[in-house]
Structures are given as structure tokens and as C-alpha cells.
Amino acid sequence: MSEFRAKFAELEQRYSHVHEYFSNQVGVEKWARSMFAGERYNIMMTNIVEALNSTLKRVRDYPLLLLLDSIVEKMVEWFNERREKA
């Protein structure tokens, strides 16, 4: 957040009209990841490995085939949710 604020303040000094557009007309929360209030894609991280790891915590100790089934099930669930929203 502090790095974003510093860079955004620098933008304001150099290009005040651009800063005005991004902050007032567009809204910072719509384009800056650090200012987004919610969870992006219902997951707080963008790395798919981290997302799967945190989602599948309870099934990590399952035998390999059950673990793979759980991964496939979760991916199908995510894709179906996105497809329905689209």
C-alpha cells in the first residue's frame, strides 16, 4: 500500500490530469490490485498453485487418486461458476 501511495502521489505531481482521471472518473479500486476491496476470483492470490494448495488443505493426505479426483472436482466447480456468470 505504501509503495502504491508513493507512486500514485508521484503520478499526481507529474501528470495531474491522469491522476484525476484514474482516481475520480475510473476509481482506483477498479484497476489497482492493492486497492481492490474484495477477493479477486474469490481467492486472495493469483498463483494457481497457491490457490489449489490452500483450497485442498483437508484432502492433501488422501491417496493419490482421491487427491486427483478432489482437484478435478474443485476445478470443475470453479469453471462452472465462471461459465454461469459469463
Protein backbone atom coordinates (compact mmCIF):
# COMPACT_ATOMS: atom_id res chain seq x y z
CA MET A 1 0.00 0.00 0.00
CA SER A 2 2.77 2.45 0.90
CA GLU A 3 4.55 1.80 -2.41
CA PHE A 4 1.29 2.30 -4.31
CA ARG A 5 0.58 5.57 -2.49
CA ALA A 6 4.09 6.85 -3.19
CA LYS A 7 3.88 6.03 -6.90
CA PHE A 8 0.36 7.42 -7.17
CA ALA A 9 1.50 10.66 -5.50
CA GLU A 10 4.37 10.83 -7.99
CA LEU A 11 1.86 10.38 -10.80
CA GLU A 12 -0.19 13.24 -9.35
CA GLN A 13 2.84 15.55 -9.36
CA ARG A 14 3.89 14.70 -12.90
CA TYR A 15 0.54 14.15 -14.61
CA SER A 16 -2.25 15.65 -12.55
CA HIS A 17 -4.86 15.15 -15.30
CA VAL A 18 -4.09 11.40 -15.46
CA HIS A 19 -4.21 11.15 -11.66
CA GLU A 20 -7.56 12.95 -11.67
CA TYR A 21 -8.95 10.58 -14.31
CA PHE A 22 -7.79 7.40 -12.53
CA SER A 23 -8.87 8.47 -9.08
CA ASN A 24 -12.17 10.24 -9.74
CA GLN A 25 -13.59 9.02 -13.03
CA VAL A 26 -12.41 5.41 -13.15
CA GLY A 27 -11.95 4.66 -9.46
CA VAL A 28 -8.69 3.31 -8.09
CA GLU A 29 -10.32 0.15 -6.74
CA LYS A 30 -11.21 -0.92 -10.30
CA TRP A 31 -7.66 -1.07 -11.63
CA ALA A 32 -5.22 -1.21 -8.69
CA ARG A 33 -4.92 -4.65 -7.13
CA SER A 34 -3.78 -3.21 -3.79
CA MET A 35 -6.91 -1.05 -3.54
CA PHE A 36 -9.43 -3.74 -4.50
CA ALA A 37 -11.73 -4.30 -1.52
CA GLY A 38 -12.89 -7.81 -2.31
CA GLU A 39 -11.29 -11.10 -3.15
CA ARG A 40 -10.24 -11.44 -6.75
CA TYR A 41 -11.84 -14.55 -8.28
CA ASN A 42 -12.94 -15.49 -4.78
CA ILE A 43 -9.29 -16.24 -3.96
CA MET A 44 -6.81 -13.78 -2.45
CA MET A 45 -3.82 -14.92 -4.53
CA THR A 46 -3.22 -15.04 -8.28
CA ASN A 47 -0.89 -18.04 -8.29
CA ILE A 48 -2.96 -21.12 -9.19
CA VAL A 49 -0.64 -23.44 -7.24
CA GLU A 50 -1.13 -21.41 -4.06
CA ALA A 51 -4.88 -21.29 -4.70
CA LEU A 52 -5.14 -25.04 -5.10
CA ASN A 53 -2.87 -25.67 -2.13
CA SER A 54 -4.98 -23.56 0.21
CA THR A 55 -8.25 -24.91 -1.20
CA LEU A 56 -7.24 -28.55 -0.90
CA LYS A 57 -5.74 -28.44 2.61
CA ARG A 58 -8.10 -31.02 4.01
CA VAL A 59 -7.53 -33.56 1.20
CA ARG A 60 -3.72 -33.34 0.93
CA ASP A 61 -3.23 -36.53 2.92
CA TYR A 62 -5.60 -38.58 0.75
CA PRO A 63 -4.24 -41.31 -1.53
CA LEU A 64 -3.14 -40.02 -4.93
CA LEU A 65 -6.27 -40.97 -6.90
CA LEU A 66 -8.61 -39.40 -4.35
CA LEU A 67 -6.43 -36.29 -4.28
CA LEU A 68 -6.58 -36.03 -8.08
CA ASP A 69 -10.36 -36.52 -8.00
CA SER A 70 -10.64 -33.70 -5.47
CA ILE A 71 -8.53 -31.41 -7.66
CA VAL A 72 -10.63 -32.19 -10.73
CA GLU A 73 -13.83 -31.66 -8.75
CA LYS A 74 -12.67 -28.25 -7.49
CA MET A 75 -11.53 -27.12 -10.96
CA VAL A 76 -14.86 -28.19 -12.49
CA GLU A 77 -16.70 -26.30 -9.76
CA TRP A 78 -14.67 -23.13 -10.43
CA PHE A 79 -15.08 -23.34 -14.21
CA ASN A 80 -18.83 -23.97 -13.94
CA GLU A 81 -19.27 -20.97 -11.62
CA ARG A 82 -17.38 -18.72 -14.05
CA ARG A 83 -19.26 -20.13 -17.05
CA GLU A 84 -22.63 -19.46 -15.41
CA LYS A 85 -21.61 -15.90 -14.53
CA ALA A 86 -20.45 -15.30 -18.10
